[in-house]
Amino acid sequence: MLVPCFLEIARKTGVEIVDLIELGPSAGFNLVWDRYHYRYAHGEWGEADAPLRLAGDERRPVPDRLLRIVPQVRRRRGIDLSPLDLTRPEDTLLLKSFVWADQDQRLDRFDRAVETLRRDPPELERGDAVERLPQLLADREPGALTIVFQTAVRGYLSNAQWKRILNAVDDAGRRFPLAFVSVSRPAADEHRYWGLWTRIWPDPEKRLLAHAGFHGQWLEWLAG
């Protein structure tokens, strides 16, 4: 469900190179999203020989024009209170233990994701994202669009903490090319699915790109 959001940002900005910063990456699987292969209703995206192949239901399909966009990821960084290092067998076993033993397909996807990540692991930092994000943004290198994103952290932060995150992103977006992707409820009274929101500077209007199932099992693309 994240890939079309990243592709839409690349389409809208015209950039070819992006740097990623994920808030709460855990082991970093989402930071290597471009190394997986995806099947959508209007086509496929990603490396043809990728170990992990993903697909889901599309209640409204992703436009084929997005699937022709192939941005290059230059740098992958994440901030987590307790990141897992999947080059360590003990961390891999710990994370795998959270998958129910009878879910063979999920276990197979997990193994393939680990194989993919171990080729070139992302940079994962132990720390508080609220405190560390401004410094990571300050340490950026020119020549790329920075994409900050989160899928689950918002639910663990107070309103004051979340405001500090938004302020840090907004401040950075006024100084260099930046976009923000966030997963949250699409409306205060809606509890059946996620909303996928994006902001792109210098005009950071909040935009709802899609609805998705809680585990990405279905996607309803809303953007034009």
N, C-alpha and C. Protein backbone atom coordinates (compact mmCIF):
# COMPACT_ATOMS: atom_id res chain seq x y z
N MET A 1 0.82 -1.21 0.00
CA MET A 1 0.00 0.00 0.00
C MET A 1 0.86 1.26 0.00
N LEU A 2 2.12 1.15 0.40
CA LEU A 2 3.00 2.31 0.45
C LEU A 2 3.60 2.67 -0.90
N VAL A 3 3.88 1.67 -1.72
CA VAL A 3 4.60 1.92 -2.96
C VAL A 3 3.91 2.94 -3.85
N PRO A 4 2.59 2.84 -4.09
CA PRO A 4 1.96 3.86 -4.95
C PRO A 4 2.08 5.27 -4.37
N CYS A 5 2.13 5.39 -3.05
CA CYS A 5 2.31 6.71 -2.44
C CYS A 5 3.67 7.28 -2.79
N PHE A 6 4.71 6.46 -2.69
CA PHE A 6 6.04 6.92 -3.05
C PHE A 6 6.13 7.26 -4.54
N LEU A 7 5.49 6.44 -5.37
CA LEU A 7 5.51 6.70 -6.81
C LEU A 7 4.74 7.97 -7.15
N GLU A 8 3.65 8.23 -6.45
CA GLU A 8 2.89 9.46 -6.68
C GLU A 8 3.71 10.69 -6.31
N ILE A 9 4.48 10.59 -5.24
CA ILE A 9 5.37 11.70 -4.87
C ILE A 9 6.40 11.93 -5.96
N ALA A 10 6.99 10.86 -6.48
CA ALA A 10 7.98 10.99 -7.55
C ALA A 10 7.34 11.59 -8.80
N ARG A 11 6.11 11.18 -9.10
CA ARG A 11 5.41 11.72 -10.27
C ARG A 11 5.14 13.22 -10.10
N LYS A 12 4.64 13.57 -8.94
CA LYS A 12 4.22 14.95 -8.72
C LYS A 12 5.41 15.91 -8.67
N THR A 13 6.52 15.45 -8.13
CA THR A 13 7.70 16.31 -8.00
C THR A 13 8.66 16.20 -9.17
N GLY A 14 8.58 15.10 -9.90
CA GLY A 14 9.50 14.89 -11.01
C GLY A 14 10.88 14.43 -10.59
N VAL A 15 11.06 14.04 -9.32
CA VAL A 15 12.38 13.62 -8.84
C VAL A 15 12.70 12.20 -9.29
N GLU A 16 13.98 11.91 -9.38
CA GLU A 16 14.43 10.56 -9.73
C GLU A 16 15.17 9.89 -8.58
N ILE A 17 15.65 10.68 -7.61
CA ILE A 17 16.42 10.13 -6.50
C ILE A 17 15.76 10.55 -5.19
N VAL A 18 15.57 9.58 -4.27
CA VAL A 18 14.95 9.89 -2.98
C VAL A 18 15.79 9.30 -1.85
N ASP A 19 15.73 9.98 -0.71
CA ASP A 19 16.27 9.47 0.55
C ASP A 19 15.09 9.18 1.47
N LEU A 20 15.17 8.11 2.24
CA LEU A 20 14.07 7.69 3.10
C LEU A 20 14.43 7.85 4.57
N ILE A 21 13.47 8.33 5.36
CA ILE A 21 13.58 8.32 6.82
C ILE A 21 12.27 7.76 7.35
N GLU A 22 12.33 6.61 8.02
CA GLU A 22 11.13 6.01 8.59
C GLU A 22 11.11 6.18 10.10
N LEU A 23 9.96 6.57 10.61
CA LEU A 23 9.76 6.69 12.05
C LEU A 23 9.17 5.37 12.56
N GLY A 24 9.90 4.72 13.46
CA GLY A 24 9.45 3.44 13.98
C GLY A 24 9.59 2.31 12.98
N PRO A 25 10.77 2.07 12.42
CA PRO A 25 10.93 1.04 11.38
C PRO A 25 11.03 -0.38 11.92
N SER A 26 11.17 -0.55 13.23
CA SER A 26 11.38 -1.89 13.81
C SER A 26 12.62 -2.50 13.18
N ALA A 27 12.45 -3.45 12.25
CA ALA A 27 13.61 -4.10 11.63
C ALA A 27 13.97 -3.49 10.29
N GLY A 28 13.12 -2.63 9.74
CA GLY A 28 13.46 -1.93 8.51
C GLY A 28 12.91 -2.52 7.23
N PHE A 29 11.93 -3.42 7.31
CA PHE A 29 11.39 -4.05 6.10
C PHE A 29 10.83 -3.01 5.11
N ASN A 30 10.14 -1.99 5.62
CA ASN A 30 9.55 -1.01 4.72
C ASN A 30 10.58 -0.08 4.09
N LEU A 31 11.76 -0.03 4.67
CA LEU A 31 12.81 0.82 4.10
C LEU A 31 13.44 0.23 2.85
N VAL A 32 13.19 -1.05 2.58
CA VAL A 32 13.72 -1.69 1.36
C VAL A 32 12.57 -2.04 0.42
N TRP A 33 11.52 -1.23 0.42
CA TRP A 33 10.33 -1.50 -0.39
C TRP A 33 10.63 -1.63 -1.87
N ASP A 34 11.65 -0.94 -2.35
CA ASP A 34 11.95 -0.97 -3.78
C ASP A 34 12.67 -2.24 -4.22
N ARG A 35 13.01 -3.12 -3.28
CA ARG A 35 13.68 -4.37 -3.63
C ARG A 35 12.70 -5.54 -3.72
N TYR A 36 11.44 -5.30 -3.48
CA TYR A 36 10.42 -6.32 -3.61
C TYR A 36 9.74 -6.21 -4.99
N HIS A 37 8.95 -7.22 -5.31
CA HIS A 37 8.18 -7.20 -6.57
C HIS A 37 6.69 -7.14 -6.23
N TYR A 38 5.94 -6.31 -6.97
CA TYR A 38 4.53 -6.09 -6.67
C TYR A 38 3.67 -6.35 -7.90
N ARG A 39 2.51 -6.92 -7.67
CA ARG A 39 1.55 -7.13 -8.74
C ARG A 39 0.29 -6.32 -8.46
N TYR A 40 -0.04 -5.42 -9.38
CA TYR A 40 -1.25 -4.61 -9.30
C TYR A 40 -2.16 -4.95 -10.47
N ALA A 41 -3.38 -4.44 -10.43
CA ALA A 41 -4.35 -4.75 -11.47
C ALA A 41 -3.88 -4.31 -12.85
N HIS A 42 -3.19 -3.16 -12.90
CA HIS A 42 -2.77 -2.60 -14.19
C HIS A 42 -1.32 -2.90 -14.54
N GLY A 43 -0.66 -3.74 -13.76
CA GLY A 43 0.72 -4.05 -14.10
C GLY A 43 1.54 -4.44 -12.89
N GLU A 44 2.82 -4.65 -13.11
CA GLU A 44 3.73 -5.06 -12.06
C GLU A 44 4.80 -3.99 -11.86
N TRP A 45 5.42 -4.03 -10.68
CA TRP A 45 6.45 -3.05 -10.37
C TRP A 45 7.51 -3.74 -9.52
N GLY A 46 8.78 -3.39 -9.77
CA GLY A 46 9.86 -3.92 -8.94
C GLY A 46 10.74 -4.91 -9.69
N GLU A 47 11.76 -5.38 -9.00
CA GLU A 47 12.73 -6.30 -9.59
C GLU A 47 12.06 -7.62 -9.96
N ALA A 48 12.26 -8.06 -11.20
CA ALA A 48 11.60 -9.27 -11.68
C ALA A 48 12.03 -10.51 -10.90
N ASP A 49 13.28 -10.52 -10.43
CA ASP A 49 13.80 -11.69 -9.72
C ASP A 49 13.83 -11.48 -8.21
N ALA A 50 13.03 -10.55 -7.69
CA ALA A 50 13.02 -10.28 -6.25
C ALA A 50 12.56 -11.52 -5.48
N PRO A 51 13.20 -11.83 -4.36
CA PRO A 51 12.78 -13.00 -3.57
C PRO A 51 11.35 -12.88 -3.04
N LEU A 52 10.91 -11.66 -2.75
CA LEU A 52 9.58 -11.45 -2.18
C LEU A 52 8.67 -10.81 -3.21
N ARG A 53 7.53 -11.45 -3.45
CA ARG A 53 6.53 -10.95 -4.40
C ARG A 53 5.23 -10.72 -3.64
N LEU A 54 4.67 -9.52 -3.80
CA LEU A 54 3.50 -9.12 -3.02
C LEU A 54 2.34 -8.73 -3.95
N ALA A 55 1.13 -9.02 -3.47
CA ALA A 55 -0.08 -8.65 -4.20
C ALA A 55 -1.22 -8.56 -3.20
N GLY A 56 -2.28 -7.85 -3.58
CA GLY A 56 -3.45 -7.73 -2.73
C GLY A 56 -4.65 -7.33 -3.55
N ASP A 57 -5.80 -7.22 -2.92
CA ASP A 57 -7.01 -6.79 -3.62
C ASP A 57 -6.97 -5.28 -3.85
N GLU A 58 -7.48 -4.85 -5.00
CA GLU A 58 -7.58 -3.43 -5.30
C GLU A 58 -9.05 -3.07 -5.50
N ARG A 59 -9.58 -2.32 -4.58
CA ARG A 59 -10.97 -1.89 -4.70
C ARG A 59 -11.12 -0.75 -5.70
N ARG A 60 -10.05 -0.02 -5.88
CA ARG A 60 -9.93 0.95 -6.96
C ARG A 60 -8.47 0.90 -7.37
N PRO A 61 -8.18 0.58 -8.62
CA PRO A 61 -6.80 0.24 -8.99
C PRO A 61 -5.84 1.42 -9.03
N VAL A 62 -4.59 1.09 -8.84
CA VAL A 62 -3.50 2.06 -9.00
C VAL A 62 -3.32 2.34 -10.49
N PRO A 63 -3.25 3.61 -10.91
CA PRO A 63 -3.11 3.92 -12.34
C PRO A 63 -1.83 3.34 -12.92
N ASP A 64 -1.92 2.88 -14.16
CA ASP A 64 -0.75 2.27 -14.78
C ASP A 64 0.37 3.28 -14.98
N ARG A 65 0.04 4.57 -15.10
CA ARG A 65 1.08 5.59 -15.30
C ARG A 65 2.03 5.65 -14.11
N LEU A 66 1.52 5.36 -12.90
CA LEU A 66 2.40 5.34 -11.73
C LEU A 66 3.37 4.18 -11.78
N LEU A 67 2.92 3.06 -12.31
CA LEU A 67 3.74 1.85 -12.31
C LEU A 67 4.90 1.93 -13.29
N ARG A 68 4.92 2.97 -14.10
CA ARG A 68 6.04 3.17 -15.03
C ARG A 68 7.14 4.03 -14.41
N ILE A 69 6.90 4.56 -13.22
CA ILE A 69 7.87 5.42 -12.55
C ILE A 69 8.78 4.57 -11.67
N VAL A 70 10.07 4.77 -11.78
CA VAL A 70 11.04 3.96 -11.01
C VAL A 70 12.06 4.89 -10.35
N PRO A 71 11.74 5.46 -9.19
CA PRO A 71 12.71 6.30 -8.50
C PRO A 71 13.85 5.48 -7.92
N GLN A 72 14.98 6.10 -7.75
CA GLN A 72 16.14 5.45 -7.14
C GLN A 72 16.24 5.86 -5.68
N VAL A 73 16.34 4.87 -4.79
CA VAL A 73 16.51 5.16 -3.37
C VAL A 73 18.01 5.24 -3.08
N ARG A 74 18.44 6.40 -2.61
CA ARG A 74 19.86 6.62 -2.36
C ARG A 74 20.26 6.24 -0.94
N ARG A 75 19.44 6.60 0.04
CA ARG A 75 19.78 6.36 1.44
C ARG A 75 18.54 5.95 2.22
N ARG A 76 18.70 5.03 3.17
CA ARG A 76 17.59 4.49 3.95
C ARG A 76 17.93 4.58 5.43
N ARG A 77 17.18 5.40 6.19
CA ARG A 77 17.44 5.56 7.61
C ARG A 77 16.15 5.42 8.40
N GLY A 78 16.27 4.93 9.63
CA GLY A 78 15.11 4.78 10.48
C GLY A 78 15.46 5.05 11.94
N ILE A 79 14.46 5.51 12.70
CA ILE A 79 14.63 5.77 14.14
C ILE A 79 13.60 4.94 14.88
N ASP A 80 14.07 4.14 15.84
CA ASP A 80 13.17 3.27 16.59
C ASP A 80 13.66 3.17 18.04
N LEU A 81 12.72 3.10 18.97
CA LEU A 81 13.11 2.95 20.38
C LEU A 81 13.86 1.66 20.63
N SER A 82 13.50 0.62 19.87
CA SER A 82 14.17 -0.67 20.06
C SER A 82 14.29 -1.40 18.72
N PRO A 83 15.17 -0.94 17.85
CA PRO A 83 15.28 -1.56 16.52
C PRO A 83 15.85 -2.96 16.59
N LEU A 84 15.47 -3.78 15.64
CA LEU A 84 15.97 -5.15 15.54
C LEU A 84 16.96 -5.25 14.40
N ASP A 85 18.05 -5.94 14.63
CA ASP A 85 19.09 -6.13 13.63
C ASP A 85 18.93 -7.54 13.05
N LEU A 86 18.39 -7.63 11.85
CA LEU A 86 18.10 -8.94 11.27
C LEU A 86 19.33 -9.62 10.68
N THR A 87 20.50 -9.02 10.83
CA THR A 87 21.72 -9.75 10.53
C THR A 87 22.12 -10.61 11.73
N ARG A 88 21.43 -10.42 12.84
CA ARG A 88 21.66 -11.21 14.05
C ARG A 88 20.59 -12.31 14.14
N PRO A 89 20.98 -13.59 14.20
CA PRO A 89 20.00 -14.68 14.24
C PRO A 89 19.02 -14.55 15.40
N GLU A 90 19.48 -14.06 16.56
CA GLU A 90 18.59 -13.97 17.71
C GLU A 90 17.50 -12.91 17.50
N ASP A 91 17.83 -11.81 16.82
CA ASP A 91 16.82 -10.79 16.54
C ASP A 91 15.82 -11.29 15.50
N THR A 92 16.34 -12.03 14.51
CA THR A 92 15.46 -12.59 13.49
C THR A 92 14.48 -13.58 14.11
N LEU A 93 14.97 -14.43 14.99
CA LEU A 93 14.10 -15.41 15.64
C LEU A 93 13.06 -14.73 16.52
N LEU A 94 13.46 -13.67 17.21
CA LEU A 94 12.52 -12.93 18.05
C LEU A 94 11.38 -12.38 17.21
N LEU A 95 11.70 -11.72 16.10
CA LEU A 95 10.66 -11.13 15.27
C LEU A 95 9.78 -12.22 14.64
N LYS A 96 10.39 -13.30 14.23
CA LYS A 96 9.64 -14.38 13.59
C LYS A 96 8.67 -15.04 14.57
N SER A 97 8.99 -15.00 15.85
CA SER A 97 8.14 -15.64 16.85
C SER A 97 6.78 -14.97 16.98
N PHE A 98 6.64 -13.74 16.45
CA PHE A 98 5.36 -13.04 16.52
C PHE A 98 4.40 -13.46 15.40
N VAL A 99 4.87 -14.28 14.47
CA VAL A 99 3.99 -14.83 13.44
C VAL A 99 3.43 -16.15 13.93
N TRP A 100 2.12 -16.32 13.85
CA TRP A 100 1.51 -17.57 14.31
C TRP A 100 2.06 -18.75 13.52
N ALA A 101 2.31 -19.84 14.22
CA ALA A 101 3.04 -20.97 13.65
C ALA A 101 2.32 -21.65 12.49
N ASP A 102 1.00 -21.50 12.41
CA ASP A 102 0.27 -22.18 11.33
C ASP A 102 0.09 -21.29 10.10
N GLN A 103 0.63 -20.10 10.10
CA GLN A 103 0.48 -19.19 8.97
C GLN A 103 1.69 -19.32 8.03
N ASP A 104 1.65 -20.38 7.26
CA ASP A 104 2.80 -20.73 6.43
C ASP A 104 3.15 -19.63 5.42
N GLN A 105 2.14 -19.00 4.83
CA GLN A 105 2.42 -17.97 3.82
C GLN A 105 3.11 -16.76 4.45
N ARG A 106 2.67 -16.37 5.63
CA ARG A 106 3.32 -15.24 6.30
C ARG A 106 4.74 -15.58 6.69
N LEU A 107 4.96 -16.80 7.16
CA LEU A 107 6.31 -17.22 7.53
C LEU A 107 7.23 -17.23 6.31
N ASP A 108 6.69 -17.68 5.17
CA ASP A 108 7.49 -17.68 3.95
C ASP A 108 7.81 -16.25 3.51
N ARG A 109 6.83 -15.34 3.59
CA ARG A 109 7.08 -13.95 3.25
C ARG A 109 8.12 -13.34 4.18
N PHE A 110 8.03 -13.70 5.45
CA PHE A 110 9.01 -13.19 6.42
C PHE A 110 10.43 -13.61 6.02
N ASP A 111 10.61 -14.89 5.72
CA ASP A 111 11.93 -15.39 5.36
C ASP A 111 12.47 -14.68 4.11
N ARG A 112 11.59 -14.46 3.14
CA ARG A 112 12.01 -13.81 1.90
C ARG A 112 12.34 -12.32 2.14
N ALA A 113 11.59 -11.68 3.04
CA ALA A 113 11.88 -10.29 3.37
C ALA A 113 13.23 -10.18 4.09
N VAL A 114 13.50 -11.11 4.99
CA VAL A 114 14.79 -11.11 5.69
C VAL A 114 15.94 -11.29 4.69
N GLU A 115 15.76 -12.22 3.76
CA GLU A 115 16.78 -12.44 2.74
C GLU A 115 17.06 -11.16 1.96
N THR A 116 16.00 -10.45 1.61
CA THR A 116 16.13 -9.22 0.85
C THR A 116 16.84 -8.14 1.66
N LEU A 117 16.44 -7.97 2.89
CA LEU A 117 17.00 -6.92 3.73
C LEU A 117 18.47 -7.15 4.02
N ARG A 118 18.86 -8.41 4.21
CA ARG A 118 20.25 -8.70 4.58
C ARG A 118 21.24 -8.39 3.47
N ARG A 119 20.78 -8.24 2.25
CA ARG A 119 21.70 -7.92 1.15
C ARG A 119 22.42 -6.60 1.41
N ASP A 120 21.68 -5.64 1.92
CA ASP A 120 22.25 -4.31 2.20
C ASP A 120 21.33 -3.64 3.22
N PRO A 121 21.50 -3.91 4.50
CA PRO A 121 20.57 -3.42 5.52
C PRO A 121 20.51 -1.91 5.59
N PRO A 122 19.34 -1.36 5.91
CA PRO A 122 19.21 0.08 6.09
C PRO A 122 19.91 0.53 7.38
N GLU A 123 20.05 1.84 7.53
CA GLU A 123 20.64 2.40 8.74
C GLU A 123 19.53 2.58 9.79
N LEU A 124 19.63 1.83 10.88
CA LEU A 124 18.63 1.92 11.94
C LEU A 124 19.27 2.48 13.19
N GLU A 125 18.66 3.51 13.73
CA GLU A 125 19.19 4.18 14.91
C GLU A 125 18.27 3.95 16.10
N ARG A 126 18.85 3.62 17.24
CA ARG A 126 18.07 3.49 18.47
C ARG A 126 17.88 4.88 19.07
N GLY A 127 16.61 5.26 19.26
CA GLY A 127 16.35 6.57 19.82
C GLY A 127 14.88 6.94 19.73
N ASP A 128 14.58 8.10 20.26
CA ASP A 128 13.23 8.66 20.24
C ASP A 128 13.08 9.50 18.98
N ALA A 129 12.12 9.12 18.11
CA ALA A 129 11.95 9.82 16.85
C ALA A 129 11.60 11.28 17.05
N VAL A 130 10.86 11.58 18.09
CA VAL A 130 10.49 12.97 18.36
C VAL A 130 11.73 13.81 18.60
N GLU A 131 12.68 13.24 19.32
CA GLU A 131 13.90 13.97 19.66
C GLU A 131 14.92 13.98 18.52
N ARG A 132 15.01 12.85 17.80
CA ARG A 132 16.10 12.69 16.83
C ARG A 132 15.78 13.13 15.42
N LEU A 133 14.50 13.23 15.06
CA LEU A 133 14.16 13.55 13.69
C LEU A 133 14.78 14.87 13.21
N PRO A 134 14.73 15.94 13.99
CA PRO A 134 15.33 17.19 13.50
C PRO A 134 16.80 17.04 13.11
N GLN A 135 17.56 16.26 13.86
CA GLN A 135 18.97 16.09 13.54
C GLN A 135 19.17 15.26 12.28
N LEU A 136 18.36 14.20 12.12
CA LEU A 136 18.46 13.41 10.89
C LEU A 136 18.14 14.25 9.66
N LEU A 137 17.15 15.12 9.81
CA LEU A 137 16.81 16.00 8.69
C LEU A 137 17.94 16.99 8.42
N ALA A 138 18.57 17.46 9.48
CA ALA A 138 19.67 18.41 9.32
C ALA A 138 20.88 17.75 8.66
N ASP A 139 21.02 16.43 8.81
CA ASP A 139 22.17 15.71 8.28
C ASP A 139 21.98 15.26 6.83
N ARG A 140 20.95 15.70 6.19
CA ARG A 140 20.68 15.28 4.81
C ARG A 140 21.80 15.73 3.87
N GLU A 141 21.91 15.02 2.77
CA GLU A 141 22.84 15.41 1.72
C GLU A 141 22.04 15.96 0.54
N PRO A 142 22.55 16.99 -0.13
CA PRO A 142 21.83 17.56 -1.28
C PRO A 142 21.76 16.57 -2.43
N GLY A 143 20.82 16.81 -3.33
CA GLY A 143 20.73 16.00 -4.54
C GLY A 143 19.62 14.99 -4.56
N ALA A 144 18.75 15.01 -3.55
CA ALA A 144 17.65 14.04 -3.50
C ALA A 144 16.46 14.65 -2.78
N LEU A 145 15.29 14.09 -3.02
CA LEU A 145 14.09 14.43 -2.25
C LEU A 145 14.04 13.53 -1.03
N THR A 146 13.86 14.11 0.14
CA THR A 146 13.73 13.33 1.37
C THR A 146 12.26 12.97 1.58
N ILE A 147 12.00 11.68 1.80
CA ILE A 147 10.65 11.21 2.14
C ILE A 147 10.67 10.69 3.57
N VAL A 148 9.94 11.35 4.45
CA VAL A 148 9.75 10.88 5.82
C VAL A 148 8.41 10.14 5.85
N PHE A 149 8.38 8.97 6.49
CA PHE A 149 7.11 8.24 6.53
C PHE A 149 6.97 7.45 7.82
N GLN A 150 5.71 7.16 8.16
CA GLN A 150 5.39 6.34 9.33
C GLN A 150 4.11 5.56 9.04
N THR A 151 4.06 4.34 9.59
CA THR A 151 2.87 3.51 9.40
C THR A 151 2.16 3.18 10.71
N ALA A 152 2.85 3.22 11.84
CA ALA A 152 2.22 2.82 13.10
C ALA A 152 2.58 3.68 14.29
N VAL A 153 3.57 4.54 14.14
CA VAL A 153 4.08 5.32 15.28
C VAL A 153 3.04 6.29 15.84
N ARG A 154 2.20 6.84 14.97
CA ARG A 154 1.27 7.88 15.42
C ARG A 154 0.43 7.42 16.60
N GLY A 155 0.02 6.18 16.63
CA GLY A 155 -0.82 5.67 17.70
C GLY A 155 -0.15 5.59 19.06
N TYR A 156 1.18 5.73 19.08
CA TYR A 156 1.94 5.64 20.32
C TYR A 156 2.41 7.00 20.82
N LEU A 157 2.06 8.05 20.11
CA LEU A 157 2.52 9.38 20.48
C LEU A 157 1.36 10.23 21.00
N SER A 158 1.67 11.10 21.93
CA SER A 158 0.68 12.06 22.39
C SER A 158 0.48 13.12 21.30
N ASN A 159 -0.57 13.91 21.43
CA ASN A 159 -0.80 14.98 20.46
C ASN A 159 0.36 15.97 20.45
N ALA A 160 0.92 16.23 21.62
CA ALA A 160 2.05 17.17 21.70
C ALA A 160 3.28 16.60 20.99
N GLN A 161 3.53 15.31 21.15
CA GLN A 161 4.67 14.69 20.48
C GLN A 161 4.47 14.69 18.97
N TRP A 162 3.27 14.36 18.55
CA TRP A 162 2.98 14.34 17.12
C TRP A 162 3.14 15.74 16.51
N LYS A 163 2.74 16.74 17.25
CA LYS A 163 2.89 18.12 16.77
C LYS A 163 4.36 18.47 16.59
N ARG A 164 5.21 17.96 17.47
CA ARG A 164 6.65 18.22 17.33
C ARG A 164 7.18 17.54 16.07
N ILE A 165 6.70 16.34 15.76
CA ILE A 165 7.09 15.66 14.53
C ILE A 165 6.69 16.50 13.32
N LEU A 166 5.44 16.93 13.30
CA LEU A 166 4.94 17.72 12.18
C LEU A 166 5.69 19.04 12.04
N ASN A 167 6.01 19.66 13.16
CA ASN A 167 6.75 20.92 13.11
C ASN A 167 8.15 20.71 12.54
N ALA A 168 8.80 19.60 12.94
CA ALA A 168 10.14 19.32 12.43
C ALA A 168 10.12 19.08 10.93
N VAL A 169 9.12 18.33 10.47
CA VAL A 169 9.00 18.05 9.04
C VAL A 169 8.69 19.33 8.27
N ASP A 170 7.78 20.14 8.82
CA ASP A 170 7.41 21.38 8.14
C ASP A 170 8.58 22.33 8.05
N ASP A 171 9.34 22.43 9.13
CA ASP A 171 10.51 23.30 9.13
C ASP A 171 11.52 22.86 8.08
N ALA A 172 11.75 21.54 7.99
CA ALA A 172 12.70 21.03 7.01
C ALA A 172 12.18 21.23 5.58
N GLY A 173 10.86 21.03 5.41
CA GLY A 173 10.29 21.17 4.08
C GLY A 173 10.38 22.57 3.52
N ARG A 174 10.52 23.55 4.39
CA ARG A 174 10.67 24.93 3.94
C ARG A 174 12.11 25.23 3.49
N ARG A 175 13.01 24.28 3.80
CA ARG A 175 14.42 24.52 3.50
C ARG A 175 14.96 23.65 2.36
N PHE A 176 14.36 22.49 2.11
CA PHE A 176 14.85 21.62 1.04
C PHE A 176 13.73 20.68 0.59
N PRO A 177 13.88 20.00 -0.56
CA PRO A 177 12.83 19.14 -1.10
C PRO A 177 12.46 18.01 -0.12
N LEU A 178 11.18 17.93 0.22
CA LEU A 178 10.75 16.98 1.24
C LEU A 178 9.29 16.60 1.04
N ALA A 179 8.97 15.37 1.38
CA ALA A 179 7.59 14.88 1.38
C ALA A 179 7.38 14.03 2.62
N PHE A 180 6.13 13.92 3.04
CA PHE A 180 5.77 13.19 4.26
C PHE A 180 4.61 12.26 3.93
N VAL A 181 4.76 10.98 4.27
CA VAL A 181 3.70 9.98 4.10
C VAL A 181 3.32 9.45 5.47
N SER A 182 2.03 9.48 5.76
CA SER A 182 1.59 9.06 7.09
C SER A 182 0.34 8.19 6.98
N VAL A 183 0.29 7.14 7.77
CA VAL A 183 -0.86 6.24 7.82
C VAL A 183 -1.65 6.55 9.09
N SER A 184 -2.94 6.82 8.94
CA SER A 184 -3.78 7.12 10.10
C SER A 184 -5.23 6.88 9.73
N ARG A 185 -6.12 7.07 10.69
CA ARG A 185 -7.55 6.94 10.40
C ARG A 185 -7.96 8.00 9.39
N PRO A 186 -8.81 7.63 8.42
CA PRO A 186 -9.23 8.62 7.43
C PRO A 186 -10.20 9.65 7.98
N ALA A 187 -10.90 9.34 9.09
CA ALA A 187 -11.83 10.29 9.69
C ALA A 187 -12.04 9.89 11.15
N ALA A 188 -12.46 10.85 11.96
CA ALA A 188 -12.58 10.62 13.40
C ALA A 188 -13.57 9.51 13.72
N ASP A 189 -14.60 9.35 12.90
CA ASP A 189 -15.63 8.36 13.21
C ASP A 189 -15.49 7.09 12.37
N GLU A 190 -14.36 6.91 11.73
CA GLU A 190 -14.16 5.75 10.86
C GLU A 190 -13.10 4.83 11.45
N HIS A 191 -13.44 3.55 11.61
CA HIS A 191 -12.53 2.63 12.28
C HIS A 191 -12.32 1.34 11.50
N ARG A 192 -12.63 1.34 10.23
CA ARG A 192 -12.56 0.08 9.47
C ARG A 192 -11.32 -0.03 8.60
N TYR A 193 -10.60 1.04 8.38
CA TYR A 193 -9.45 0.99 7.50
C TYR A 193 -8.55 2.19 7.75
N TRP A 194 -7.38 2.13 7.11
CA TRP A 194 -6.42 3.22 7.22
C TRP A 194 -6.61 4.22 6.09
N GLY A 195 -6.15 5.43 6.34
CA GLY A 195 -6.01 6.42 5.28
C GLY A 195 -4.53 6.66 5.04
N LEU A 196 -4.14 6.78 3.80
CA LEU A 196 -2.75 7.05 3.42
C LEU A 196 -2.67 8.51 2.97
N TRP A 197 -1.98 9.30 3.78
CA TRP A 197 -1.92 10.75 3.57
C TRP A 197 -0.52 11.17 3.13
N THR A 198 -0.46 12.23 2.35
CA THR A 198 0.85 12.75 1.96
C THR A 198 0.84 14.27 2.02
N ARG A 199 2.03 14.82 2.25
CA ARG A 199 2.27 16.25 2.14
C ARG A 199 3.56 16.43 1.36
N ILE A 200 3.57 17.38 0.44
CA ILE A 200 4.74 17.64 -0.38
C ILE A 200 5.03 19.14 -0.34
N TRP A 201 6.22 19.49 0.07
CA TRP A 201 6.61 20.90 0.13
C TRP A 201 7.14 21.34 -1.23
N PRO A 202 6.97 22.61 -1.60
CA PRO A 202 6.71 23.79 -0.75
C PRO A 202 5.24 24.09 -0.49
N ASP A 203 4.31 23.29 -1.04
CA ASP A 203 2.89 23.51 -0.79
C ASP A 203 2.34 22.29 -0.05
N PRO A 204 2.53 22.23 1.27
CA PRO A 204 2.28 21.00 2.04
C PRO A 204 0.82 20.77 2.40
N GLU A 205 -0.07 20.91 1.45
CA GLU A 205 -1.47 20.62 1.73
C GLU A 205 -1.64 19.11 1.98
N LYS A 206 -2.33 18.77 3.05
CA LYS A 206 -2.55 17.37 3.39
C LYS A 206 -3.49 16.74 2.37
N ARG A 207 -3.06 15.61 1.80
CA ARG A 207 -3.82 15.00 0.72
C ARG A 207 -4.02 13.52 0.99
N LEU A 208 -5.25 13.05 0.90
CA LEU A 208 -5.58 11.63 1.09
C LEU A 208 -5.40 10.91 -0.24
N LEU A 209 -4.44 9.98 -0.29
CA LEU A 209 -4.15 9.27 -1.53
C LEU A 209 -4.94 7.98 -1.66
N ALA A 210 -5.19 7.28 -0.53
CA ALA A 210 -5.80 5.96 -0.63
C ALA A 210 -6.37 5.52 0.71
N HIS A 211 -7.24 4.53 0.66
CA HIS A 211 -7.66 3.76 1.82
C HIS A 211 -7.03 2.38 1.71
N ALA A 212 -6.79 1.75 2.84
CA ALA A 212 -6.17 0.42 2.82
C ALA A 212 -6.58 -0.37 4.04
N GLY A 213 -6.59 -1.70 3.92
CA GLY A 213 -6.83 -2.57 5.05
C GLY A 213 -5.73 -2.43 6.08
N PHE A 214 -6.03 -2.81 7.30
CA PHE A 214 -5.10 -2.59 8.40
C PHE A 214 -3.74 -3.26 8.18
N HIS A 215 -3.69 -4.34 7.41
CA HIS A 215 -2.42 -5.01 7.15
C HIS A 215 -2.05 -4.95 5.67
N GLY A 216 -2.63 -3.99 4.96
CA GLY A 216 -2.29 -3.82 3.56
C GLY A 216 -2.87 -4.88 2.64
N GLN A 217 -3.86 -5.64 3.11
CA GLN A 217 -4.42 -6.73 2.31
C GLN A 217 -5.30 -6.24 1.17
N TRP A 218 -5.74 -4.98 1.23
CA TRP A 218 -6.49 -4.39 0.13
C TRP A 218 -6.16 -2.90 0.05
N LEU A 219 -6.39 -2.35 -1.14
CA LEU A 219 -6.06 -0.95 -1.40
C LEU A 219 -7.14 -0.32 -2.27
N GLU A 220 -7.54 0.88 -1.90
CA GLU A 220 -8.47 1.66 -2.71
C GLU A 220 -7.77 2.98 -3.05
N TRP A 221 -7.28 3.09 -4.28
CA TRP A 221 -6.54 4.28 -4.68
C TRP A 221 -7.50 5.41 -4.99
N LEU A 222 -7.29 6.57 -4.40
CA LEU A 222 -8.21 7.70 -4.52
C LEU A 222 -7.66 8.84 -5.34
N ALA A 223 -6.34 8.97 -5.41
CA ALA A 223 -5.74 10.09 -6.13
C ALA A 223 -6.01 9.98 -7.62
N GLY A 224 -6.07 11.10 -8.30
CA GLY A 224 -6.35 11.11 -9.72
C GLY A 224 -5.22 10.49 -10.55
